[in-house]
PDB file of N, CA and C in Angstrom:
ATOM      1  N   MET A   1     -49.433 -42.515-102.027  1.00  0.00           N
ATOM      2  CA  MET A   1     -50.118 -43.313-101.019  1.00  0.00           C
ATOM      3  C   MET A   1     -50.841 -44.465-101.706  1.00  0.00           C
ATOM      4  N   GLY A   2     -50.505 -45.675-101.341  1.00  0.00           N
ATOM      5  CA  GLY A   2     -51.102 -46.846-101.960  1.00  0.00           C
ATOM      6  C   GLY A   2     -52.420 -47.216-101.317  1.00  0.00           C
ATOM      7  N   VAL A   3     -53.241 -47.869-102.091  1.00  0.00           N
ATOM      8  CA  VAL A   3     -54.538 -48.327-101.587  1.00  0.00           C
ATOM      9  C   VAL A   3     -54.364 -49.740-101.063  1.00  0.00           C
ATOM     10  N   ARG A   4     -54.851 -49.978 -99.853  1.00  0.00           N
ATOM     11  CA  ARG A   4     -54.702 -51.272 -99.200  1.00  0.00           C
ATOM     12  C   ARG A   4     -56.051 -51.943 -99.061  1.00  0.00           C
ATOM     13  N   LEU A   5     -56.788 -52.059-100.151  1.00  0.00           N
ATOM     14  CA  LEU A   5     -58.127 -52.627-100.074  1.00  0.00           C
ATOM     15  C   LEU A   5     -58.130 -54.072 -99.589  1.00  0.00           C
ATOM     16  N   PRO A   6     -57.200 -54.927-100.078  1.00  0.00           N
ATOM     17  CA  PRO A   6     -57.240 -56.299 -99.554  1.00  0.00           C
ATOM     18  C   PRO A   6     -57.070 -56.345 -98.045  1.00  0.00           C
ATOM     19  N   SER A   7     -56.179 -55.513 -97.483  1.00  0.00           N
ATOM     20  CA  SER A   7     -56.009 -55.535 -96.031  1.00  0.00           C
ATOM     21  C   SER A   7     -57.229 -54.966 -95.326  1.00  0.00           C
ATOM     22  N   MET A   8     -57.878 -53.954 -95.928  1.00  0.00           N
ATOM     23  CA  MET A   8     -59.081 -53.383 -95.316  1.00  0.00           C
ATOM     24  C   MET A   8     -60.198 -54.413 -95.299  1.00  0.00           C
ATOM     25  N   ILE A   9     -60.386 -55.103 -96.418  1.00  0.00           N
ATOM     26  CA  ILE A   9     -61.459 -56.095 -96.492  1.00  0.00           C
ATOM     27  C   ILE A   9     -61.160 -57.243 -95.540  1.00  0.00           C
ATOM     28  N   ALA A  10     -59.887 -57.661 -95.482  1.00  0.00           N
ATOM     29  CA  ALA A  10     -59.509 -58.724 -94.551  1.00  0.00           C
ATOM     30  C   ALA A  10     -59.754 -58.283 -93.111  1.00  0.00           C
ATOM     31  N   GLY A  11     -59.423 -57.026 -92.795  1.00  0.00           N
ATOM     32  CA  GLY A  11     -59.663 -56.517 -91.448  1.00  0.00           C
ATOM     33  C   GLY A  11     -61.141 -56.466 -91.112  1.00  0.00           C
ATOM     34  N   ALA A  12     -61.955 -56.031 -92.084  1.00  0.00           N
ATOM     35  CA  ALA A  12     -63.404 -55.976 -91.863  1.00  0.00           C
ATOM     36  C   ALA A  12     -63.961 -57.385 -91.670  1.00  0.00           C
ATOM     37  N   LYS A  13     -63.479 -58.341 -92.484  1.00  0.00           N
ATOM     38  CA  LYS A  13     -63.949 -59.719 -92.343  1.00  0.00           C
ATOM     39  C   LYS A  13     -63.543 -60.294 -90.993  1.00  0.00           C
ATOM     40  N   GLN A  14     -62.330 -59.961 -90.541  1.00  0.00           N
ATOM     41  CA  GLN A  14     -61.870 -60.449 -89.236  1.00  0.00           C
ATOM     42  C   GLN A  14     -62.759 -59.896 -88.131  1.00  0.00           C
ATOM     43  N   MET A  15     -63.094 -58.605 -88.223  1.00  0.00           N
ATOM     44  CA  MET A  15     -63.945 -58.000 -87.210  1.00  0.00           C
ATOM     45  C   MET A  15     -65.329 -58.654 -87.220  1.00  0.00           C
ATOM     46  N   LEU A  16     -65.862 -58.906 -88.425  1.00  0.00           N
ATOM     47  CA  LEU A  16     -67.170 -59.545 -88.520  1.00  0.00           C
ATOM     48  C   LEU A  16     -67.125 -60.960 -87.959  1.00  0.00           C
ATOM     49  N   LYS A  17     -66.013 -61.665 -88.190  1.00  0.00           N
ATOM     50  CA  LYS A  17     -65.861 -63.010 -87.658  1.00  0.00           C
ATOM     51  C   LYS A  17     -65.873 -62.982 -86.134  1.00  0.00           C
ATOM     52  N   LEU A  18     -65.165 -62.019 -85.547  1.00  0.00           N
ATOM     53  CA  LEU A  18     -65.153 -61.891 -84.092  1.00  0.00           C
ATOM     54  C   LEU A  18     -66.542 -61.567 -83.560  1.00  0.00           C
ATOM     55  N   GLN A  19     -67.272 -60.726 -84.277  1.00  0.00           N
ATOM     56  CA  GLN A  19     -68.622 -60.380 -83.836  1.00  0.00           C
ATOM     57  C   GLN A  19     -69.550 -61.570 -83.925  1.00  0.00           C
ATOM     58  N   SER A  20     -69.290 -62.492 -84.867  1.00  0.00           N
ATOM     59  CA  SER A  20     -70.172 -63.649 -85.034  1.00  0.00           C
ATOM     60  C   SER A  20     -70.024 -64.638 -83.888  1.00  0.00           C
ATOM     61  N   ARG A  21     -68.987 -64.474 -83.060  1.00  0.00           N
ATOM     62  CA  ARG A  21     -68.787 -65.362 -81.915  1.00  0.00           C
ATOM     63  C   ARG A  21     -69.649 -64.980 -80.724  1.00  0.00           C
ATOM     64  N   VAL A  22     -70.433 -63.932 -80.851  1.00  0.00           N
ATOM     65  CA  VAL A  22     -71.345 -63.527 -79.786  1.00  0.00           C
ATOM     66  C   VAL A  22     -72.372 -64.633 -79.602  1.00  0.00           C
ATOM     67  N   THR A  23     -72.744 -64.888 -78.374  1.00  0.00           N
ATOM     68  CA  THR A  23     -73.711 -65.949 -78.122  1.00  0.00           C
ATOM     69  C   THR A  23     -75.037 -65.611 -78.789  1.00  0.00           C
ATOM     70  N   PRO A  24     -75.797 -66.618 -79.200  1.00  0.00           N
ATOM     71  CA  PRO A  24     -77.061 -66.365 -79.908  1.00  0.00           C
ATOM     72  C   PRO A  24     -78.007 -65.441 -79.152  1.00  0.00           C
ATOM     73  N   ARG A  25     -77.994 -65.503 -77.826  1.00  0.00           N
ATOM     74  CA  ARG A  25     -78.883 -64.644 -77.054  1.00  0.00           C
ATOM     75  C   ARG A  25     -78.519 -63.173 -77.237  1.00  0.00           C
ATOM     76  N   GLU A  26     -77.212 -62.887 -77.417  1.00  0.00           N
ATOM     77  CA  GLU A  26     -76.757 -61.516 -77.549  1.00  0.00           C
ATOM     78  C   GLU A  26     -76.665 -61.059 -79.003  1.00  0.00           C
ATOM     79  N   LYS A  27     -76.798 -61.988 -79.942  1.00  0.00           N
ATOM     80  CA  LYS A  27     -76.614 -61.663 -81.352  1.00  0.00           C
ATOM     81  C   LYS A  27     -77.709 -60.699 -81.813  1.00  0.00           C
ATOM     82  N   PRO A  28     -77.311 -59.596 -82.438  1.00  0.00           N
ATOM     83  CA  PRO A  28     -78.298 -58.637 -82.917  1.00  0.00           C
ATOM     84  C   PRO A  28     -79.096 -59.197 -84.094  1.00  0.00           C
ATOM     85  N   ASP A  29     -80.172 -58.537 -84.418  1.00  0.00           N
ATOM     86  CA  ASP A  29     -81.060 -59.002 -85.473  1.00  0.00           C
ATOM     87  C   ASP A  29     -80.542 -58.588 -86.858  1.00  0.00           C
ATOM     88  N   VAL A  30     -79.491 -59.260 -87.323  1.00  0.00           N
ATOM     89  CA  VAL A  30     -78.934 -59.011 -88.644  1.00  0.00           C
ATOM     90  C   VAL A  30     -79.182 -60.252 -89.480  1.00  0.00           C
ATOM     91  N   PRO A  31     -79.952 -60.121 -90.554  1.00  0.00           N
ATOM     92  CA  PRO A  31     -80.244 -61.293 -91.383  1.00  0.00           C
ATOM     93  C   PRO A  31     -78.976 -61.851 -92.029  1.00  0.00           C
ATOM     94  N   LYS A  32     -79.006 -63.125 -92.334  1.00  0.00           N
ATOM     95  CA  LYS A  32     -77.884 -63.762 -93.005  1.00  0.00           C
ATOM     96  C   LYS A  32     -77.630 -63.041 -94.330  1.00  0.00           C
ATOM     97  N   GLY A  33     -76.367 -62.810 -94.645  1.00  0.00           N
ATOM     98  CA  GLY A  33     -76.016 -62.118 -95.878  1.00  0.00           C
ATOM     99  C   GLY A  33     -75.995 -60.607 -95.744  1.00  0.00           C
ATOM    100  N   HIS A  34     -76.115 -60.110 -94.519  1.00  0.00           N
ATOM    101  CA  HIS A  34     -76.118 -58.674 -94.247  1.00  0.00           C
ATOM    102  C   HIS A  34     -75.095 -58.367 -93.156  1.00  0.00           C
ATOM    103  N   VAL A  35     -74.779 -57.095 -93.029  1.00  0.00           N
ATOM    104  CA  VAL A  35     -73.853 -56.655 -91.993  1.00  0.00           C
ATOM    105  C   VAL A  35     -74.396 -55.350 -91.394  1.00  0.00           C
ATOM    106  N   ALA A  36     -74.196 -55.201 -90.093  1.00  0.00           N
ATOM    107  CA  ALA A  36     -74.603 -53.966 -89.434  1.00  0.00           C
ATOM    108  C   ALA A  36     -73.428 -52.995 -89.442  1.00  0.00           C
ATOM    109  N   VAL A  37     -73.705 -51.746 -89.767  1.00  0.00           N
ATOM    110  CA  VAL A  37     -72.687 -50.700 -89.738  1.00  0.00           C
ATOM    111  C   VAL A  37     -73.259 -49.515 -88.985  1.00  0.00           C
ATOM    112  N   TYR A  38     -72.363 -48.743 -88.388  1.00  0.00           N
ATOM    113  CA  TYR A  38     -72.759 -47.527 -87.690  1.00  0.00           C
ATOM    114  C   TYR A  38     -72.285 -46.353 -88.520  1.00  0.00           C
ATOM    115  N   VAL A  39     -73.185 -45.410 -88.771  1.00  0.00           N
ATOM    116  CA  VAL A  39     -72.905 -44.304 -89.678  1.00  0.00           C
ATOM    117  C   VAL A  39     -73.166 -42.987 -88.977  1.00  0.00           C
ATOM    118  N   GLY A  40     -72.290 -42.031 -89.211  1.00  0.00           N
ATOM    119  CA  GLY A  40     -72.481 -40.690 -88.684  1.00  0.00           C
ATOM    120  C   GLY A  40     -71.162 -40.047 -88.348  1.00  0.00           C
ATOM    121  N   GLU A  41     -71.152 -38.735 -88.392  1.00  0.00           N
ATOM    122  CA  GLU A  41     -69.933 -38.011 -88.080  1.00  0.00           C
ATOM    123  C   GLU A  41     -69.813 -37.725 -86.585  1.00  0.00           C
ATOM    124  N   THR A  42     -70.929 -37.470 -85.926  1.00  0.00           N
ATOM    125  CA  THR A  42     -70.894 -37.244 -84.482  1.00  0.00           C
ATOM    126  C   THR A  42     -71.779 -38.262 -83.770  1.00  0.00           C
ATOM    127  N   GLN A  43     -73.046 -38.299 -84.105  1.00  0.00           N
ATOM    128  CA  GLN A  43     -73.957 -39.279 -83.524  1.00  0.00           C
ATOM    129  C   GLN A  43     -74.103 -40.433 -84.510  1.00  0.00           C
ATOM    130  N   ARG A  44     -73.982 -41.659 -84.029  1.00  0.00           N
ATOM    131  CA  ARG A  44     -73.994 -42.841 -84.885  1.00  0.00           C
ATOM    132  C   ARG A  44     -75.389 -43.456 -84.940  1.00  0.00           C
ATOM    133  N   LYS A  45     -75.745 -43.918 -86.139  1.00  0.00           N
ATOM    134  CA  LYS A  45     -76.998 -44.633 -86.324  1.00  0.00           C
ATOM    135  C   LYS A  45     -76.673 -45.978 -86.963  1.00  0.00           C
ATOM    136  N   ARG A  46     -77.344 -47.011 -86.525  1.00  0.00           N
ATOM    137  CA  ARG A  46     -77.082 -48.373 -87.017  1.00  0.00           C
ATOM    138  C   ARG A  46     -77.901 -48.659 -88.261  1.00  0.00           C
ATOM    139  N   PHE A  47     -77.227 -49.213 -89.275  1.00  0.00           N
ATOM    140  CA  PHE A  47     -77.873 -49.640 -90.511  1.00  0.00           C
ATOM    141  C   PHE A  47     -77.479 -51.079 -90.798  1.00  0.00           C
ATOM    142  N   VAL A  48     -78.355 -51.810 -91.464  1.00  0.00           N
ATOM    143  CA  VAL A  48     -78.063 -53.173 -91.884  1.00  0.00           C
ATOM    144  C   VAL A  48     -78.063 -53.161 -93.414  1.00  0.00           C
ATOM    145  N   VAL A  49     -76.922 -53.559 -93.998  1.00  0.00           N
ATOM    146  CA  VAL A  49     -76.774 -53.532 -95.457  1.00  0.00           C
ATOM    147  C   VAL A  49     -76.370 -54.916 -95.945  1.00  0.00           C
ATOM    148  N   PRO A  50     -76.699 -55.244 -97.200  1.00  0.00           N
ATOM    149  CA  PRO A  50     -76.274 -56.530 -97.764  1.00  0.00           C
ATOM    150  C   PRO A  50     -74.753 -56.576 -97.913  1.00  0.00           C
ATOM    151  N   ILE A  51     -74.167 -57.728 -97.667  1.00  0.00           N
ATOM    152  CA  ILE A  51     -72.711 -57.830 -97.788  1.00  0.00           C
ATOM    153  C   ILE A  51     -72.253 -57.650 -99.226  1.00  0.00           C
ATOM    154  N   SER A  52     -73.154 -57.773-100.165  1.00  0.00           N
ATOM    155  CA  SER A  52     -72.782 -57.603-101.577  1.00  0.00           C
ATOM    156  C   SER A  52     -72.286 -56.192-101.872  1.00  0.00           C
ATOM    157  N   VAL A  53     -72.667 -55.203-101.079  1.00  0.00           N
ATOM    158  CA  VAL A  53     -72.208 -53.837-101.333  1.00  0.00           C
ATOM    159  C   VAL A  53     -70.779 -53.610-100.843  1.00  0.00           C
ATOM    160  N   LEU A  54     -70.240 -54.515-100.019  1.00  0.00           N
ATOM    161  CA  LEU A  54     -68.904 -54.316 -99.463  1.00  0.00           C
ATOM    162  C   LEU A  54     -67.813 -54.265-100.526  1.00  0.00           C
ATOM    163  N   ASN A  55     -67.995 -54.949-101.635  1.00  0.00           N
ATOM    164  CA  ASN A  55     -66.969 -54.985-102.669  1.00  0.00           C
ATOM    165  C   ASN A  55     -67.126 -53.899-103.726  1.00  0.00           C
ATOM    166  N   HIS A  56     -68.155 -53.097-103.639  1.00  0.00           N
ATOM    167  CA  HIS A  56     -68.334 -52.016-104.610  1.00  0.00           C
ATOM    168  C   HIS A  56     -67.297 -50.921-104.344  1.00  0.00           C
ATOM    169  N   PRO A  57     -66.668 -50.379-105.409  1.00  0.00           N
ATOM    170  CA  PRO A  57     -65.629 -49.359-105.220  1.00  0.00           C
ATOM    171  C   PRO A  57     -66.059 -48.166-104.365  1.00  0.00           C
ATOM    172  N   SER A  58     -67.279 -47.713-104.503  1.00  0.00           N
ATOM    173  CA  SER A  58     -67.744 -46.579-103.705  1.00  0.00           C
ATOM    174  C   SER A  58     -67.814 -46.934-102.223  1.00  0.00           C
ATOM    175  N   PHE A  59     -68.260 -48.146-101.929  1.00  0.00           N
ATOM    176  CA  PHE A  59     -68.343 -48.570-100.535  1.00  0.00           C
ATOM    177  C   PHE A  59     -66.942 -48.836 -99.989  1.00  0.00           C
ATOM    178  N   GLU A  60     -66.055 -49.342-100.836  1.00  0.00           N
ATOM    179  CA  GLU A  60     -64.669 -49.557-100.418  1.00  0.00           C
ATOM    180  C   GLU A  60     -64.003 -48.231-100.047  1.00  0.00           C
ATOM    181  N   ASP A  61     -64.378 -47.145-100.726  1.00  0.00           N
ATOM    182  CA  ASP A  61     -63.868 -45.827-100.351  1.00  0.00           C
ATOM    183  C   ASP A  61     -64.296 -45.465 -98.927  1.00  0.00           C
ATOM    184  N   LEU A  62     -65.553 -45.776 -98.595  1.00  0.00           N
ATOM    185  CA  LEU A  62     -66.023 -45.520 -97.233  1.00  0.00           C
ATOM    186  C   LEU A  62     -65.255 -46.365 -96.221  1.00  0.00           C
ATOM    187  N   LEU A  63     -64.991 -47.625 -96.585  1.00  0.00           N
ATOM    188  CA  LEU A  63     -64.231 -48.497 -95.689  1.00  0.00           C
ATOM    189  C   LEU A  63     -62.817 -47.967 -95.491  1.00  0.00           C
ATOM    190  N   LYS A  64     -62.233 -47.428 -96.543  1.00  0.00           N
ATOM    191  CA  LYS A  64     -60.889 -46.860 -96.452  1.00  0.00           C
ATOM    192  C   LYS A  64     -60.894 -45.664 -95.494  1.00  0.00           C
ATOM    193  N   ARG A  65     -61.903 -44.802 -95.623  1.00  0.00           N
ATOM    194  CA  ARG A  65     -62.021 -43.659 -94.705  1.00  0.00           C
ATOM    195  C   ARG A  65     -62.193 -44.130 -93.262  1.00  0.00           C
ATOM    196  N   ALA A  66     -62.994 -45.184 -93.090  1.00  0.00           N
ATOM    197  CA  ALA A  66     -63.218 -45.716 -91.742  1.00  0.00           C
ATOM    198  C   ALA A  66     -61.922 -46.258 -91.160  1.00  0.00           C
ATOM    199  N   GLU A  67     -61.136 -46.964 -91.983  1.00  0.00           N
ATOM    200  CA  GLU A  67     -59.868 -47.500 -91.497  1.00  0.00           C
ATOM    201  C   GLU A  67     -58.911 -46.378 -91.123  1.00  0.00           C
ATOM    202  N   GLU A  68     -58.856 -45.327 -91.956  1.00  0.00           N
ATOM    203  CA  GLU A  68     -57.963 -44.213 -91.677  1.00  0.00           C
ATOM    204  C   GLU A  68     -58.349 -43.482 -90.392  1.00  0.00           C
ATOM    205  N   GLU A  69     -59.646 -43.345 -90.169  1.00  0.00           N
ATOM    206  CA  GLU A  69     -60.096 -42.586 -89.000  1.00  0.00           C
ATOM    207  C   GLU A  69     -60.111 -43.409 -87.718  1.00  0.00           C
ATOM    208  N   TYR A  70     -60.568 -44.677 -87.812  1.00  0.00           N
ATOM    209  CA  TYR A  70     -60.766 -45.473 -86.610  1.00  0.00           C
ATOM    210  C   TYR A  70     -59.875 -46.712 -86.516  1.00  0.00           C
ATOM    211  N   GLY A  71     -59.363 -47.191 -87.633  1.00  0.00           N
ATOM    212  CA  GLY A  71     -58.730 -48.502 -87.638  1.00  0.00           C
ATOM    213  C   GLY A  71     -59.844 -49.536 -87.560  1.00  0.00           C
ATOM    214  N   PHE A  72     -59.511 -50.743 -87.182  1.00  0.00           N
ATOM    215  CA  PHE A  72     -60.551 -51.770 -87.086  1.00  0.00           C
ATOM    216  C   PHE A  72     -60.823 -52.163 -85.640  1.00  0.00           C
ATOM    217  N   ASP A  73     -60.432 -51.317 -84.716  1.00  0.00           N
ATOM    218  CA  ASP A  73     -60.674 -51.576 -83.305  1.00  0.00           C
ATOM    219  C   ASP A  73     -61.386 -50.365 -82.708  1.00  0.00           C
ATOM    220  N   HIS A  74     -62.577 -50.100 -83.189  1.00  0.00           N
ATOM    221  CA  HIS A  74     -63.338 -48.944 -82.741  1.00  0.00           C
ATOM    222  C   HIS A  74     -64.013 -49.265 -81.419  1.00  0.00           C
ATOM    223  N   PRO A  75     -64.025 -48.321 -80.473  1.00  0.00           N
ATOM    224  CA  PRO A  75     -64.613 -48.586 -79.156  1.00  0.00           C
ATOM    225  C   PRO A  75     -66.103 -48.924 -79.195  1.00  0.00           C
ATOM    226  N   MET A  76     -66.790 -48.530 -80.272  1.00  0.00           N
ATOM    227  CA  MET A  76     -68.212 -48.839 -80.373  1.00  0.00           C
ATOM    228  C   MET A  76     -68.419 -50.334 -80.625  1.00  0.00           C
ATOM    229  N   GLY A  77     -67.367 -51.009 -81.096  1.00  0.00           N
ATOM    230  CA  GLY A  77     -67.443 -52.450 -81.275  1.00  0.00           C
ATOM    231  C   GLY A  77     -67.959 -52.902 -82.614  1.00  0.00           C
ATOM    232  N   GLY A  78     -68.319 -52.019 -83.493  1.00  0.00           N
ATOM    233  CA  GLY A  78     -68.822 -52.408 -84.796  1.00  0.00           C
ATOM    234  C   GLY A  78     -68.132 -51.636 -85.895  1.00  0.00           C
ATOM    235  N   LEU A  79     -68.472 -51.960 -87.093  1.00  0.00           N
ATOM    236  CA  LEU A  79     -67.931 -51.264 -88.246  1.00  0.00           C
ATOM    237  C   LEU A  79     -68.567 -49.880 -88.293  1.00  0.00           C
ATOM    238  N   THR A  80     -67.756 -48.846 -88.066  1.00  0.00           N
ATOM    239  CA  THR A  80     -68.246 -47.475 -88.000  1.00  0.00           C
ATOM    240  C   THR A  80     -67.743 -46.700 -89.204  1.00  0.00           C
ATOM    241  N   ILE A  81     -68.645 -46.052 -89.919  1.00  0.00           N
ATOM    242  CA  ILE A  81     -68.308 -45.314 -91.128  1.00  0.00           C
ATOM    243  C   ILE A  81     -68.515 -43.829 -90.882  1.00  0.00           C
ATOM    244  N   PRO A  82     -67.443 -43.046 -91.037  1.00  0.00           N
ATOM    245  CA  PRO A  82     -67.519 -41.614 -90.738  1.00  0.00           C
ATOM    246  C   PRO A  82     -68.021 -40.795 -91.920  1.00  0.00           C
ATOM    247  N   CYS A  83     -69.313 -40.779 -92.133  1.00  0.00           N
ATOM    248  CA  CYS A  83     -69.877 -39.922 -93.173  1.00  0.00           C
ATOM    249  C   CYS A  83     -71.271 -39.492 -92.733  1.00  0.00           C
ATOM    250  N   ARG A  84     -71.810 -38.530 -93.446  1.00  0.00           N
ATOM    251  CA  ARG A  84     -73.160 -38.069 -93.111  1.00  0.00           C
ATOM    252  C   ARG A  84     -74.166 -39.183 -93.419  1.00  0.00           C
ATOM    253  N   GLU A  85     -75.177 -39.249 -92.607  1.00  0.00           N
ATOM    254  CA  GLU A  85     -76.207 -40.279 -92.763  1.00  0.00           C
ATOM    255  C   GLU A  85     -76.896 -40.188 -94.122  1.00  0.00           C
ATOM    256  N   ASP A  86     -77.224 -38.984 -94.572  1.00  0.00           N
ATOM    257  CA  ASP A  86     -77.909 -38.840 -95.853  1.00  0.00           C
ATOM    258  C   ASP A  86     -77.026 -39.273 -97.029  1.00  0.00           C
ATOM    259  N   ALA A  87     -75.714 -39.021 -96.949  1.00  0.00           N
ATOM    260  CA  ALA A  87     -74.801 -39.456 -98.003  1.00  0.00           C
ATOM    261  C   ALA A  87     -74.715 -40.983 -98.036  1.00  0.00           C
ATOM    262  N   PHE A  88     -74.697 -41.604 -96.852  1.00  0.00           N
ATOM    263  CA  PHE A  88     -74.647 -43.063 -96.771  1.00  0.00           C
ATOM    264  C   PHE A  88     -75.923 -43.672 -97.357  1.00  0.00           C
ATOM    265  N   LEU A  89     -77.067 -43.126 -96.987  1.00  0.00           N
ATOM    266  CA  LEU A  89     -78.340 -43.643 -97.510  1.00  0.00           C
ATOM    267  C   LEU A  89     -78.416 -43.492 -99.025  1.00  0.00           C
ATOM    268  N   ASN A  90     -77.946 -42.364 -99.532  1.00  0.00           N
ATOM    269  CA  ASN A  90     -77.935 -42.138-100.971  1.00  0.00           C
ATOM    270  C   ASN A  90     -77.067 -43.184-101.668  1.00  0.00           C
ATOM    271  N   LEU A  91     -75.866 -43.388-101.156  1.00  0.00           N
ATOM    272  CA  LEU A  91     -74.936 -44.336-101.760  1.00  0.00           C
ATOM    273  C   LEU A  91     -75.483 -45.765-101.711  1.00  0.00           C
ATOM    274  N   THR A  92     -75.932 -46.215-100.548  1.00  0.00           N
ATOM    275  CA  THR A  92     -76.386 -47.597-100.423  1.00  0.00           C
ATOM    276  C   THR A  92     -77.657 -47.852-101.239  1.00  0.00           C
ATOM    277  N   SER A  93     -78.522 -46.870-101.350  1.00  0.00           N
ATOM    278  CA  SER A  93     -79.723 -47.089-102.178  1.00  0.00           C
ATOM    279  C   SER A  93     -79.343 -47.221-103.650  1.00  0.00           C
ATOM    280  N   ARG A  94     -78.368 -46.406-104.100  1.00  0.00           N
ATOM    281  CA  ARG A  94     -77.900 -46.529-105.498  1.00  0.00           C
ATOM    282  C   ARG A  94     -77.218 -47.887-105.723  1.00  0.00           C
ATOM    283  N   LEU A  95     -76.430 -48.336-104.771  1.00  0.00           N
ATOM    284  CA  LEU A  95     -75.735 -49.612-104.914  1.00  0.00           C
ATOM    285  C   LEU A  95     -76.724 -50.790-104.936  1.00  0.00           C
ATOM    286  N   GLN A  96     -77.733 -50.728-104.083  1.00  0.00           N
ATOM    287  CA  GLN A  96     -78.721 -51.817-104.031  1.00  0.00           C
ATOM    288  C   GLN A  96     -79.568 -51.847-105.296  1.00  0.00           C
ATOM    289  N   GLN A  97     -79.818 -50.706-105.910  1.00  0.00           N
ATOM    290  CA  GLN A  97     -80.572 -50.680-107.163  1.00  0.00           C
ATOM    291  C   GLN A  97     -79.749 -51.272-108.292  1.00  0.00           C
ATOM    292  N   ALA A  98     -78.426 -51.111-108.231  1.00  0.00           N
ATOM    293  CA  ALA A  98     -77.547 -51.620-109.275  1.00  0.00           C
ATOM    294  C   ALA A  98     -77.361 -53.141-109.177  1.00  0.00           C
ATOM    295  N   LEU A  99     -77.670 -53.716-108.028  1.00  0.00           N
ATOM    296  CA  LEU A  99     -77.470 -55.164-107.839  1.00  0.00           C
ATOM    297  C   LEU A  99     -78.517 -55.957-108.512  1.00  0.00           C
TER     298      LEU A  99
END
């Protein structure tokens, strides 16, 4: 099974581009240089992370899992990552410390 990271990243960027077309009144409070993601296995919680973590191999693994489980057309309308909230927080805090 081959890894399709370029297609996953392109798909994520396409989804983010579509989300950026939301009118300013409806645009969520995501600072420039960040992206909102929904995390959880059953109940989803919204997190805002720096886009710099998107290219880290560990985060790319999460994106790969998200693509396998949901594709890039999730009914929630955002980038949804299927993992436990505590595992996501652990990973993103380690990645942000490394930056």
